[in-house]
Each structure stands twice: as structure tokens, then as C-alpha cells.
Amino acid sequence: MSHNSFGHLFRITTFGESHGAALGCVVDGCPPRIEIEASEIQAELDRRKPGQSRFTTQRREADEVKILSGVFTDESTGKQVTTGTPIALMIENTDQRSKDYGDIKDKYRPGHADLTYDAKYGIRDYRGGGRSSARETAARVAAGAIARKIIPNVIIRAALVQMGPHKIDRTRWDWNEVNNNPFFCPDATQAKFYETYLDEIRKNGSSVGAVIEVVAENVPAGWGAPLYGKLDGDIASAFMGINAVKGVEIGAGFASITQRGSEHGDELTPEGFVGNNAGGVLGGISTGQDVVVSIALKPT
């Protein structure tokens, strides 16, 4: 299986399966002398790890990260810093229950990659889906924690803005509320509704999709390159690599088809842009505005 790497100057390669001994990643291209501790990576993994609410998978994983290479303790400061060499990160699997999947060993699950993996490779890991499992995203989170250290002035945040047909009320958007509910929702009132709504769906033995909005602030103008190195193209590729994602929008996205050109174009004034329908990217290059991306996740 190829195509397990992403990025150019900063490149990550992830490895491991849902029910293997471990998963992780190798980060190549990280500048030297960046202070980094395992605890900083762990803090991000703790936000992601499963089994923290009844609304997610009940698999219990500590997701404890180990830094295997690419760091050194600076004797003058006593702090651990990157050396500029590849950084290997490993996260052991401790709660994989492969026997739970025994009855689907010879069956293809609807909405999963069982058939396509079998068709391409002639073999598939039926124990949780192998590389097609969302478990792989733990390695991305670990790599992202390092990326944050390289661009500390860029603030990247995300929030759930829609579940099924139910959207949040944007007048009640509160970033501080995101960490106060199991859905990472910025609307406290809607988060309460989502609890009841999802409980009912779960009781009926089904599931529902959602929309996540990601906002990057303090992005400088000039990131990205035409034509095949577009910032929004790379962003879309990264998000589409997440197994449940079926759609990516930059800025106004599909809503832009209902706008007139006079409305959609973000007018420039001496004070800056009037709007941000472009989502902070024009011609594949960042404008200096917030980069705004929405992703659609299918029902599990």
C-alpha cells in the first residue's frame, strides 16, 4: 500500500492499523531547535481519544504517545528540542477486541472499505477495517501537535456546526463552549439538543452525519502555489484523506452558486476585504484573511 505520506517541506508518513500492535507516524522536515515535549502531543491526543462519551466509539485507548527519535535534550536549557532529523512517534493499541469482528470475516459491510480493499489488494483486515479505520487519525493528531509548534502564531480551531439537518445558531457562537460539551459545538443550546437527538438515533440502531468547520487565524498572505500546489487543494486533499469525509468546502463553498458575482466577490477597500466568501484563499494562495474550511462527515 502506497500513498501514506502527506506534505512537502513538512512531510508526515503514518503507519499502523486499527487492530495492530501500534500506530504512529514519521515527521520529516521539522526545523531544529523547536522545543517539544511528549506532554504537548499528549494533550492533543487526549482531546481525540475514544471512549470519553456515550456518543463515540466505546473502545478504551490510553493513546499514550512515545517519541522515538528526532529530539535531544539541550544541556544549556534542560529542555527537549528537535534536531532536524525525522521524528518518529508511536501510539500502542491496548484495547483492540478483534474477536468482536469474527462474524463479519466473510461479509462486506455497507459504507465501509471492505469490498474496495479486497478488490485492490486481494486481502483485507476485517478487524476494525485496518488502515481504513478512523483510528489512523490518531497519528495525524500527533503530527499536528508538532506542526503547531512550528507556526505558533497561527490559531487553528474547529467546531461542529451541523448534525444531520440541524444547524447551529451562529449568533450564539462561543469558542469557549467547544470544550464544554461532547460534540465540540460552539452553541451551548444546540449542543443540548444534539444529545437528545443523537440518543434517539442511537436507540433506533442508526447514525447521522455532521459538518465540522475549521478556522485558521493569523495566516499570512502568500501561502500556497499555483497551479498544482494550491493551498486550498492541499487542504482539501488532507481532509478528504480522513476516512469519513465525503465533502470539503472552502469559504462559501457550494453556497456560492446561489450568490451573484457582485455579492460573492470579496471587495477590497483601503481597510481590507469587505467579506470572506473565498475562505481566505484566492488562486490557491492565502489572502491573509482567516482560512475557513467546512468538511462533511458521512454517517458511520
C-alpha atoms as a PDB file:
ATOM      1  CA  MET A   1       0.000   0.000   0.000  1.00  0.00           C
ATOM      2  CA  SER A   2       1.481   3.318  -1.111  1.00  0.00           C
ATOM      3  CA  HIS A   3       0.346   6.937  -0.599  1.00  0.00           C
ATOM      4  CA  ASN A   4       0.716   7.045   3.176  1.00  0.00           C
ATOM      5  CA  SER A   5       2.578  10.358   3.162  1.00  0.00           C
ATOM      6  CA  PHE A   6       1.393  13.966   3.033  1.00  0.00           C
ATOM      7  CA  GLY A   7       3.251  17.260   2.659  1.00  0.00           C
ATOM      8  CA  HIS A   8       6.426  18.560   1.068  1.00  0.00           C
ATOM      9  CA  LEU A   9       8.631  20.767   3.260  1.00  0.00           C
ATOM     10  CA  PHE A  10       6.943  19.306   6.324  1.00  0.00           C
ATOM     11  CA  ARG A  11       6.053  15.725   5.482  1.00  0.00           C
ATOM     12  CA  ILE A  12       4.291  13.097   7.526  1.00  0.00           C
ATOM     13  CA  THR A  13       4.042   9.365   6.895  1.00  0.00           C
ATOM     14  CA  THR A  14       1.594   7.433   9.043  1.00  0.00           C
ATOM     15  CA  PHE A  15       1.707   3.705   9.768  1.00  0.00           C
ATOM     16  CA  GLY A  16      -0.266   1.065  11.621  1.00  0.00           C
ATOM     17  CA  GLU A  17      -3.724  -0.480  11.672  1.00  0.00           C
ATOM     18  CA  SER A  18      -6.772  -0.330  13.893  1.00  0.00           C
ATOM     19  CA  HIS A  19      -6.036  -3.708  15.483  1.00  0.00           C
ATOM     20  CA  GLY A  20      -2.279  -3.897  15.041  1.00  0.00           C
ATOM     21  CA  ALA A  21       0.271  -3.636  17.831  1.00  0.00           C
ATOM     22  CA  ALA A  22       0.661   0.111  17.365  1.00  0.00           C
ATOM     23  CA  LEU A  23       0.225   3.005  15.014  1.00  0.00           C
ATOM     24  CA  GLY A  24       2.146   6.211  14.578  1.00  0.00           C
ATOM     25  CA  CYS A  25       3.924   8.476  12.174  1.00  0.00           C
ATOM     26  CA  VAL A  26       7.270   9.772  10.994  1.00  0.00           C
ATOM     27  CA  VAL A  27       7.578  13.558  10.673  1.00  0.00           C
ATOM     28  CA  ASP A  28      10.275  14.714   8.264  1.00  0.00           C
ATOM     29  CA  GLY A  29      11.249  18.326   7.648  1.00  0.00           C
ATOM     30  CA  CYS A  30      10.706  19.689  11.137  1.00  0.00           C
ATOM     31  CA  PRO A  31      13.188  22.521  11.776  1.00  0.00           C
ATOM     32  CA  PRO A  32      15.794  22.014  14.520  1.00  0.00           C
ATOM     33  CA  ARG A  33      15.706  23.552  17.997  1.00  0.00           C
ATOM     34  CA  ILE A  34      11.893  23.547  18.302  1.00  0.00           C
ATOM     35  CA  GLU A  35      11.044  22.859  21.936  1.00  0.00           C
ATOM     36  CA  ILE A  36       8.716  19.850  22.163  1.00  0.00           C
ATOM     37  CA  GLU A  37       7.681  17.514  24.946  1.00  0.00           C
ATOM     38  CA  ALA A  38       5.603  14.350  24.747  1.00  0.00           C
ATOM     39  CA  SER A  39       3.109  16.010  27.115  1.00  0.00           C
ATOM     40  CA  GLU A  40       2.294  18.652  24.488  1.00  0.00           C
ATOM     41  CA  ILE A  41       1.484  15.969  21.923  1.00  0.00           C
ATOM     42  CA  GLN A  42      -0.413  14.004  24.558  1.00  0.00           C
ATOM     43  CA  ALA A  43      -2.658  16.980  25.334  1.00  0.00           C
ATOM     44  CA  GLU A  44      -3.915  16.968  21.732  1.00  0.00           C
ATOM     45  CA  LEU A  45      -4.338  13.179  21.690  1.00  0.00           C
ATOM     46  CA  ASP A  46      -6.333  13.312  24.926  1.00  0.00           C
ATOM     47  CA  ARG A  47      -8.905  15.530  23.206  1.00  0.00           C
ATOM     48  CA  ARG A  48      -9.280  12.982  20.434  1.00  0.00           C
ATOM     49  CA  LYS A  49      -9.063   9.644  22.216  1.00  0.00           C
ATOM     50  CA  PRO A  50     -12.123   7.353  22.124  1.00  0.00           C
ATOM     51  CA  GLY A  51     -14.396   6.266  24.944  1.00  0.00           C
ATOM     52  CA  GLN A  52     -14.855   9.708  26.506  1.00  0.00           C
ATOM     53  CA  SER A  53     -18.615   9.919  25.966  1.00  0.00           C
ATOM     54  CA  ARG A  54     -21.534   7.666  25.094  1.00  0.00           C
ATOM     55  CA  PHE A  55     -21.769   9.345  21.675  1.00  0.00           C
ATOM     56  CA  THR A  56     -18.488   7.951  20.322  1.00  0.00           C
ATOM     57  CA  THR A  57     -16.875   4.541  19.998  1.00  0.00           C
ATOM     58  CA  GLN A  58     -16.623   2.820  23.375  1.00  0.00           C
ATOM     59  CA  ARG A  59     -13.177   1.469  22.622  1.00  0.00           C
ATOM     60  CA  ARG A  60     -10.903   2.474  25.521  1.00  0.00           C
ATOM     61  CA  GLU A  61      -7.435   3.543  24.471  1.00  0.00           C
ATOM     62  CA  ALA A  62      -4.912   5.485  26.556  1.00  0.00           C
ATOM     63  CA  ASP A  63      -3.367   6.758  23.316  1.00  0.00           C
ATOM     64  CA  GLU A  64      -0.083   7.322  25.102  1.00  0.00           C
ATOM     65  CA  VAL A  65       2.463   8.722  22.680  1.00  0.00           C
ATOM     66  CA  LYS A  66       6.164   7.895  22.688  1.00  0.00           C
ATOM     67  CA  ILE A  67       8.783   9.981  20.888  1.00  0.00           C
ATOM     68  CA  LEU A  68      11.282   7.515  19.436  1.00  0.00           C
ATOM     69  CA  SER A  69      13.630   9.796  17.522  1.00  0.00           C
ATOM     70  CA  GLY A  70      14.392  13.286  16.323  1.00  0.00           C
ATOM     71  CA  VAL A  71      14.736  15.011  19.706  1.00  0.00           C
ATOM     72  CA  PHE A  72      17.592  15.843  22.054  1.00  0.00           C
ATOM     73  CA  THR A  73      17.871  17.469  25.476  1.00  0.00           C
ATOM     74  CA  ASP A  74      19.574  20.852  25.243  1.00  0.00           C
ATOM     75  CA  GLU A  75      22.106  20.836  28.095  1.00  0.00           C
ATOM     76  CA  SER A  76      22.126  24.627  28.369  1.00  0.00           C
ATOM     77  CA  THR A  77      18.364  24.842  28.984  1.00  0.00           C
ATOM     78  CA  GLY A  78      17.459  21.323  30.048  1.00  0.00           C
ATOM     79  CA  LYS A  79      14.620  21.349  27.524  1.00  0.00           C
ATOM     80  CA  GLN A  80      13.958  18.786  24.825  1.00  0.00           C
ATOM     81  CA  VAL A  81      14.303  20.169  21.309  1.00  0.00           C
ATOM     82  CA  THR A  82      14.018  18.833  17.794  1.00  0.00           C
ATOM     83  CA  THR A  83      17.241  18.003  15.993  1.00  0.00           C
ATOM     84  CA  GLY A  84      16.039  18.494  12.413  1.00  0.00           C
ATOM     85  CA  THR A  85      16.087  14.740  11.784  1.00  0.00           C
ATOM     86  CA  PRO A  86      12.959  12.565  11.302  1.00  0.00           C
ATOM     87  CA  ILE A  87      10.719  12.419  14.360  1.00  0.00           C
ATOM     88  CA  ALA A  88       9.111   9.021  14.945  1.00  0.00           C
ATOM     89  CA  LEU A  89       6.001   8.876  17.140  1.00  0.00           C
ATOM     90  CA  MET A  90       4.344   5.663  18.324  1.00  0.00           C
ATOM     91  CA  ILE A  91       0.966   5.020  19.951  1.00  0.00           C
ATOM     92  CA  GLU A  92       0.308   1.484  21.166  1.00  0.00           C
ATOM     93  CA  ASN A  93      -3.092  -0.178  20.728  1.00  0.00           C
ATOM     94  CA  THR A  94      -4.227  -1.633  24.043  1.00  0.00           C
ATOM     95  CA  ASP A  95      -7.989  -2.183  23.693  1.00  0.00           C
ATOM     96  CA  GLN A  96      -8.407  -3.855  20.315  1.00  0.00           C
ATOM     97  CA  ARG A  97     -11.008  -6.642  20.559  1.00  0.00           C
ATOM     98  CA  SER A  98     -10.545  -8.471  17.281  1.00  0.00           C
ATOM     99  CA  LYS A  99     -12.914 -11.294  18.207  1.00  0.00           C
ATOM    100  CA  ASP A 100     -15.788  -8.798  18.057  1.00  0.00           C
ATOM    101  CA  TYR A 101     -15.363  -8.766  14.284  1.00  0.00           C
ATOM    102  CA  GLY A 102     -15.298 -12.537  13.749  1.00  0.00           C
ATOM    103  CA  ASP A 103     -18.838 -12.758  12.385  1.00  0.00           C
ATOM    104  CA  ILE A 104     -18.090 -10.310   9.544  1.00  0.00           C
ATOM    105  CA  LYS A 105     -14.912 -12.022   8.436  1.00  0.00           C
ATOM    106  CA  ASP A 106     -16.571 -13.182   5.223  1.00  0.00           C
ATOM    107  CA  LYS A 107     -19.046 -10.307   4.809  1.00  0.00           C
ATOM    108  CA  TYR A 108     -18.735  -6.884   3.249  1.00  0.00           C
ATOM    109  CA  ARG A 109     -20.147  -4.091   5.407  1.00  0.00           C
ATOM    110  CA  PRO A 110     -22.179  -1.372   3.635  1.00  0.00           C
ATOM    111  CA  GLY A 111     -20.487   2.022   3.757  1.00  0.00           C
ATOM    112  CA  HIS A 112     -17.079   0.540   4.592  1.00  0.00           C
ATOM    113  CA  ALA A 113     -13.965  -0.117   2.520  1.00  0.00           C
ATOM    114  CA  ASP A 114     -14.226  -3.913   2.789  1.00  0.00           C
ATOM    115  CA  LEU A 115     -15.096  -4.530  -0.858  1.00  0.00           C
ATOM    116  CA  THR A 116     -12.695  -1.970  -2.327  1.00  0.00           C
ATOM    117  CA  TYR A 117      -9.694  -3.087  -0.262  1.00  0.00           C
ATOM    118  CA  ASP A 118     -10.376  -6.694  -1.252  1.00  0.00           C
ATOM    119  CA  ALA A 119     -10.728  -5.712  -4.898  1.00  0.00           C
ATOM    120  CA  LYS A 120      -7.455  -3.758  -4.911  1.00  0.00           C
ATOM    121  CA  TYR A 121      -5.196  -5.851  -2.662  1.00  0.00           C
ATOM    122  CA  GLY A 122      -6.829  -9.282  -2.615  1.00  0.00           C
ATOM    123  CA  ILE A 123      -6.759  -9.132   1.178  1.00  0.00           C
ATOM    124  CA  ARG A 124      -8.442  -7.030   3.831  1.00  0.00           C
ATOM    125  CA  ASP A 125      -8.143  -6.608   7.565  1.00  0.00           C
ATOM    126  CA  TYR A 126     -11.696  -7.231   8.764  1.00  0.00           C
ATOM    127  CA  ARG A 127     -10.716  -6.415  12.374  1.00  0.00           C
ATOM    128  CA  GLY A 128     -11.970  -2.858  12.509  1.00  0.00           C
ATOM    129  CA  GLY A 129     -11.004  -2.076   8.927  1.00  0.00           C
ATOM    130  CA  GLY A 130      -7.219  -1.880   9.251  1.00  0.00           C
ATOM    131  CA  ARG A 131      -5.917   1.260   7.553  1.00  0.00           C
ATOM    132  CA  SER A 132      -9.449   2.330   6.563  1.00  0.00           C
ATOM    133  CA  SER A 133     -10.325   2.831  10.225  1.00  0.00           C
ATOM    134  CA  ALA A 134     -10.606   6.303  11.769  1.00  0.00           C
ATOM    135  CA  ARG A 135      -8.080   5.001  14.293  1.00  0.00           C
ATOM    136  CA  GLU A 136      -5.430   6.165  11.807  1.00  0.00           C
ATOM    137  CA  THR A 137      -6.287   9.789  12.625  1.00  0.00           C
ATOM    138  CA  ALA A 138      -4.547   9.481  15.999  1.00  0.00           C
ATOM    139  CA  ALA A 139      -1.227   9.597  14.145  1.00  0.00           C
ATOM    140  CA  ARG A 140      -2.309  12.746  12.297  1.00  0.00           C
ATOM    141  CA  VAL A 141      -3.224  14.437  15.550  1.00  0.00           C
ATOM    142  CA  ALA A 142       0.220  13.627  16.935  1.00  0.00           C
ATOM    143  CA  ALA A 143       1.910  15.071  13.843  1.00  0.00           C
ATOM    144  CA  GLY A 144      -0.354  18.125  14.005  1.00  0.00           C
ATOM    145  CA  ALA A 145       0.824  18.851  17.530  1.00  0.00           C
ATOM    146  CA  ILE A 146       4.351  19.221  16.164  1.00  0.00           C
ATOM    147  CA  ALA A 147       3.159  21.360  13.248  1.00  0.00           C
ATOM    148  CA  ARG A 148       1.519  23.748  15.716  1.00  0.00           C
ATOM    149  CA  LYS A 149       4.917  24.327  17.333  1.00  0.00           C
ATOM    150  CA  ILE A 150       6.395  25.425  14.002  1.00  0.00           C
ATOM    151  CA  ILE A 151       3.695  28.035  13.302  1.00  0.00           C
ATOM    152  CA  PRO A 152       2.733  29.130  16.832  1.00  0.00           C
ATOM    153  CA  ASN A 153       1.135  32.404  15.698  1.00  0.00           C
ATOM    154  CA  VAL A 154      -1.451  30.610  13.560  1.00  0.00           C
ATOM    155  CA  ILE A 155      -4.504  29.724  15.635  1.00  0.00           C
ATOM    156  CA  ILE A 156      -6.349  26.689  14.282  1.00  0.00           C
ATOM    157  CA  ARG A 157      -9.694  25.774  15.806  1.00  0.00           C
ATOM    158  CA  ALA A 158     -12.623  23.607  14.803  1.00  0.00           C
ATOM    159  CA  ALA A 159     -16.245  23.174  15.823  1.00  0.00           C
ATOM    160  CA  LEU A 160     -19.274  21.075  14.948  1.00  0.00           C
ATOM    161  CA  VAL A 161     -21.768  23.337  13.159  1.00  0.00           C
ATOM    162  CA  GLN A 162     -24.366  20.863  11.903  1.00  0.00           C
ATOM    163  CA  MET A 163     -25.644  17.404  12.824  1.00  0.00           C
ATOM    164  CA  GLY A 164     -27.990  15.807  10.342  1.00  0.00           C
ATOM    165  CA  PRO A 165     -30.255  18.626   9.088  1.00  0.00           C
ATOM    166  CA  HIS A 166     -29.864  20.646  12.290  1.00  0.00           C
ATOM    167  CA  LYS A 167     -27.508  23.635  12.106  1.00  0.00           C
ATOM    168  CA  ILE A 168     -26.239  25.739  14.983  1.00  0.00           C
ATOM    169  CA  ASP A 169     -27.354  29.313  15.598  1.00  0.00           C
ATOM    170  CA  ARG A 170     -24.298  31.343  14.574  1.00  0.00           C
ATOM    171  CA  THR A 171     -25.416  34.304  16.669  1.00  0.00           C
ATOM    172  CA  ARG A 172     -24.700  32.106  19.697  1.00  0.00           C
ATOM    173  CA  TRP A 173     -21.227  31.020  18.519  1.00  0.00           C
ATOM    174  CA  ASP A 174     -18.860  30.810  21.501  1.00  0.00           C
ATOM    175  CA  TRP A 175     -15.419  29.268  21.017  1.00  0.00           C
ATOM    176  CA  ASN A 176     -15.156  28.784  24.788  1.00  0.00           C
ATOM    177  CA  GLU A 177     -18.162  26.465  24.648  1.00  0.00           C
ATOM    178  CA  VAL A 178     -16.448  23.999  22.289  1.00  0.00           C
ATOM    179  CA  ASN A 179     -14.670  22.161  25.095  1.00  0.00           C
ATOM    180  CA  ASN A 180     -17.725  22.144  27.376  1.00  0.00           C
ATOM    181  CA  ASN A 181     -19.774  19.513  25.518  1.00  0.00           C
ATOM    182  CA  PRO A 182     -19.110  16.099  23.931  1.00  0.00           C
ATOM    183  CA  PHE A 183     -19.767  17.393  20.408  1.00  0.00           C
ATOM    184  CA  PHE A 184     -17.231  20.256  20.344  1.00  0.00           C
ATOM    185  CA  CYS A 185     -20.164  22.501  19.463  1.00  0.00           C
ATOM    186  CA  PRO A 186     -19.861  26.312  19.860  1.00  0.00           C
ATOM    187  CA  ASP A 187     -23.604  26.708  20.504  1.00  0.00           C
ATOM    188  CA  ALA A 188     -24.493  25.555  24.035  1.00  0.00           C
ATOM    189  CA  THR A 189     -28.236  25.440  23.354  1.00  0.00           C
ATOM    190  CA  GLN A 190     -27.862  23.344  20.215  1.00  0.00           C
ATOM    191  CA  ALA A 191     -25.369  21.045  21.952  1.00  0.00           C
ATOM    192  CA  LYS A 192     -28.092  20.139  24.466  1.00  0.00           C
ATOM    193  CA  PHE A 193     -30.492  19.412  21.613  1.00  0.00           C
ATOM    194  CA  TYR A 194     -27.894  17.216  19.910  1.00  0.00           C
ATOM    195  CA  GLU A 195     -27.711  14.980  22.997  1.00  0.00           C
ATOM    196  CA  THR A 196     -31.414  14.132  22.826  1.00  0.00           C
ATOM    197  CA  TYR A 197     -31.394  13.970  19.036  1.00  0.00           C
ATOM    198  CA  LEU A 198     -28.453  11.562  18.843  1.00  0.00           C
ATOM    199  CA  ASP A 199     -29.696   9.399  21.716  1.00  0.00           C
ATOM    200  CA  GLU A 200     -32.909   8.777  19.779  1.00  0.00           C
ATOM    201  CA  ILE A 201     -30.993   7.895  16.606  1.00  0.00           C
ATOM    202  CA  ARG A 202     -28.745   5.504  18.534  1.00  0.00           C
ATOM    203  CA  LYS A 203     -31.766   3.811  20.143  1.00  0.00           C
ATOM    204  CA  ASN A 204     -33.082   3.181  16.638  1.00  0.00           C
ATOM    205  CA  GLY A 205     -29.814   1.451  15.749  1.00  0.00           C
ATOM    206  CA  SER A 206     -28.693   4.081  13.261  1.00  0.00           C
ATOM    207  CA  SER A 207     -26.341   7.036  12.920  1.00  0.00           C
ATOM    208  CA  VAL A 208     -26.136  10.506  11.398  1.00  0.00           C
ATOM    209  CA  GLY A 209     -23.602  12.700   9.627  1.00  0.00           C
ATOM    210  CA  ALA A 210     -22.204  16.084  10.597  1.00  0.00           C
ATOM    211  CA  VAL A 211     -20.421  19.203   9.377  1.00  0.00           C
ATOM    212  CA  ILE A 212     -17.248  20.467  11.032  1.00  0.00           C
ATOM    213  CA  GLU A 213     -15.967  23.994  10.431  1.00  0.00           C
ATOM    214  CA  VAL A 214     -12.239  24.647  10.746  1.00  0.00           C
ATOM    215  CA  VAL A 215     -10.884  28.191  11.074  1.00  0.00           C
ATOM    216  CA  ALA A 216      -7.219  29.184  10.844  1.00  0.00           C
ATOM    217  CA  GLU A 217      -6.486  32.721  12.076  1.00  0.00           C
ATOM    218  CA  ASN A 218      -3.333  34.811  11.578  1.00  0.00           C
ATOM    219  CA  VAL A 219      -2.486  33.024   8.333  1.00  0.00           C
ATOM    220  CA  PRO A 220      -0.077  35.291   6.423  1.00  0.00           C
ATOM    221  CA  ALA A 221      -0.708  36.218   2.813  1.00  0.00           C
ATOM    222  CA  GLY A 222       1.295  34.222   0.283  1.00  0.00           C
ATOM    223  CA  TRP A 223       0.986  30.599   1.400  1.00  0.00           C
ATOM    224  CA  GLY A 224       0.316  28.128  -1.409  1.00  0.00           C
ATOM    225  CA  ALA A 225       1.359  27.972  -5.043  1.00  0.00           C
ATOM    226  CA  PRO A 226      -0.457  27.701  -8.381  1.00  0.00           C
ATOM    227  CA  LEU A 227      -1.445  25.525 -10.079  1.00  0.00           C
ATOM    228  CA  TYR A 228      -0.965  22.110  -8.516  1.00  0.00           C
ATOM    229  CA  GLY A 229       0.332  23.300  -5.172  1.00  0.00           C
ATOM    230  CA  LYS A 230      -2.719  25.339  -4.246  1.00  0.00           C
ATOM    231  CA  LEU A 231      -3.240  25.886  -0.544  1.00  0.00           C
ATOM    232  CA  ASP A 232      -6.932  25.031  -0.793  1.00  0.00           C
ATOM    233  CA  GLY A 233      -6.102  21.998  -2.952  1.00  0.00           C
ATOM    234  CA  ASP A 234      -3.689  20.670  -0.333  1.00  0.00           C
ATOM    235  CA  ILE A 235      -6.201  21.382   2.438  1.00  0.00           C
ATOM    236  CA  ALA A 236      -8.938  19.554   0.536  1.00  0.00           C
ATOM    237  CA  SER A 237      -6.632  16.599  -0.092  1.00  0.00           C
ATOM    238  CA  ALA A 238      -5.715  16.369   3.590  1.00  0.00           C
ATOM    239  CA  PHE A 239      -9.324  16.441   4.743  1.00  0.00           C
ATOM    240  CA  MET A 240     -10.532  14.008   2.092  1.00  0.00           C
ATOM    241  CA  GLY A 241      -7.893  11.618   3.404  1.00  0.00           C
ATOM    242  CA  ILE A 242      -9.931  11.286   6.609  1.00  0.00           C
ATOM    243  CA  ASN A 243     -11.976   8.158   6.075  1.00  0.00           C
ATOM    244  CA  ALA A 244     -15.461   9.514   6.910  1.00  0.00           C
ATOM    245  CA  VAL A 245     -15.142  12.794   4.978  1.00  0.00           C
ATOM    246  CA  LYS A 246     -17.246  12.991   1.807  1.00  0.00           C
ATOM    247  CA  GLY A 247     -17.101  16.710   1.080  1.00  0.00           C
ATOM    248  CA  VAL A 248     -14.896  19.779   1.594  1.00  0.00           C
ATOM    249  CA  GLU A 249     -15.890  23.425   1.216  1.00  0.00           C
ATOM    250  CA  ILE A 250     -13.580  26.442   1.202  1.00  0.00           C
ATOM    251  CA  GLY A 251     -15.309  29.627   2.357  1.00  0.00           C
ATOM    252  CA  ALA A 252     -18.815  29.922   0.943  1.00  0.00           C
ATOM    253  CA  GLY A 253     -18.308  26.625  -0.880  1.00  0.00           C
ATOM    254  CA  PHE A 254     -21.432  25.236  -2.521  1.00  0.00           C
ATOM    255  CA  ALA A 255     -23.488  28.147  -1.173  1.00  0.00           C
ATOM    256  CA  SER A 256     -21.617  30.396  -3.607  1.00  0.00           C
ATOM    257  CA  ILE A 257     -23.697  29.054  -6.508  1.00  0.00           C
ATOM    258  CA  THR A 258     -26.723  30.923  -5.105  1.00  0.00           C
ATOM    259  CA  GLN A 259     -24.784  34.206  -4.939  1.00  0.00           C
ATOM    260  CA  ARG A 260     -24.433  36.826  -7.632  1.00  0.00           C
ATOM    261  CA  GLY A 261     -20.929  37.755  -8.696  1.00  0.00           C
ATOM    262  CA  SER A 262     -21.394  41.201  -7.177  1.00  0.00           C
ATOM    263  CA  GLU A 263     -22.148  39.517  -3.863  1.00  0.00           C
ATOM    264  CA  HIS A 264     -19.614  36.694  -3.933  1.00  0.00           C
ATOM    265  CA  GLY A 265     -16.513  38.690  -4.850  1.00  0.00           C
ATOM    266  CA  ASP A 266     -14.793  39.907  -1.688  1.00  0.00           C
ATOM    267  CA  GLU A 267     -14.399  43.623  -2.348  1.00  0.00           C
ATOM    268  CA  LEU A 268     -11.070  45.235  -1.456  1.00  0.00           C
ATOM    269  CA  THR A 269     -11.007  48.591   0.356  1.00  0.00           C
ATOM    270  CA  PRO A 270      -8.176  50.584   1.978  1.00  0.00           C
ATOM    271  CA  GLU A 271      -9.226  48.890   5.232  1.00  0.00           C
ATOM    272  CA  GLY A 272      -9.020  45.403   3.721  1.00  0.00           C
ATOM    273  CA  PHE A 273     -11.503  42.836   2.410  1.00  0.00           C
ATOM    274  CA  VAL A 274     -15.216  43.506   2.915  1.00  0.00           C
ATOM    275  CA  GLY A 275     -16.096  39.793   3.099  1.00  0.00           C
ATOM    276  CA  ASN A 276     -14.505  36.352   3.058  1.00  0.00           C
ATOM    277  CA  ASN A 277     -16.552  34.218   0.675  1.00  0.00           C
ATOM    278  CA  ALA A 278     -13.246  32.945  -0.716  1.00  0.00           C
ATOM    279  CA  GLY A 279     -12.383  31.416   2.647  1.00  0.00           C
ATOM    280  CA  GLY A 280      -9.021  33.149   2.804  1.00  0.00           C
ATOM    281  CA  VAL A 281      -7.669  31.686  -0.443  1.00  0.00           C
ATOM    282  CA  LEU A 282      -7.580  33.199  -3.952  1.00  0.00           C
ATOM    283  CA  GLY A 283      -5.846  31.492  -6.862  1.00  0.00           C
ATOM    284  CA  GLY A 284      -4.596  28.852  -4.463  1.00  0.00           C
ATOM    285  CA  ILE A 285      -2.707  31.454  -2.379  1.00  0.00           C
ATOM    286  CA  SER A 286      -3.668  32.725   1.068  1.00  0.00           C
ATOM    287  CA  THR A 287      -5.011  36.289   1.236  1.00  0.00           C
ATOM    288  CA  GLY A 288      -4.097  36.995   4.851  1.00  0.00           C
ATOM    289  CA  GLN A 289      -7.692  36.526   5.969  1.00  0.00           C
ATOM    290  CA  ASP A 290      -8.934  33.643   8.098  1.00  0.00           C
ATOM    291  CA  VAL A 291      -8.819  30.369   6.189  1.00  0.00           C
ATOM    292  CA  VAL A 292     -12.261  28.808   6.637  1.00  0.00           C
ATOM    293  CA  VAL A 293     -12.955  25.195   5.693  1.00  0.00           C
ATOM    294  CA  SER A 294     -16.024  23.020   6.235  1.00  0.00           C
ATOM    295  CA  ILE A 295     -15.982  19.234   5.997  1.00  0.00           C
ATOM    296  CA  ALA A 296     -18.921  16.867   5.678  1.00  0.00           C
ATOM    297  CA  LEU A 297     -18.689  13.540   7.514  1.00  0.00           C
ATOM    298  CA  LYS A 298     -20.926  10.683   6.470  1.00  0.00           C
ATOM    299  CA  PRO A 299     -22.964   8.651   8.986  1.00  0.00           C
ATOM    300  CA  THR A 300     -20.909   5.794  10.411  1.00  0.00           C
END
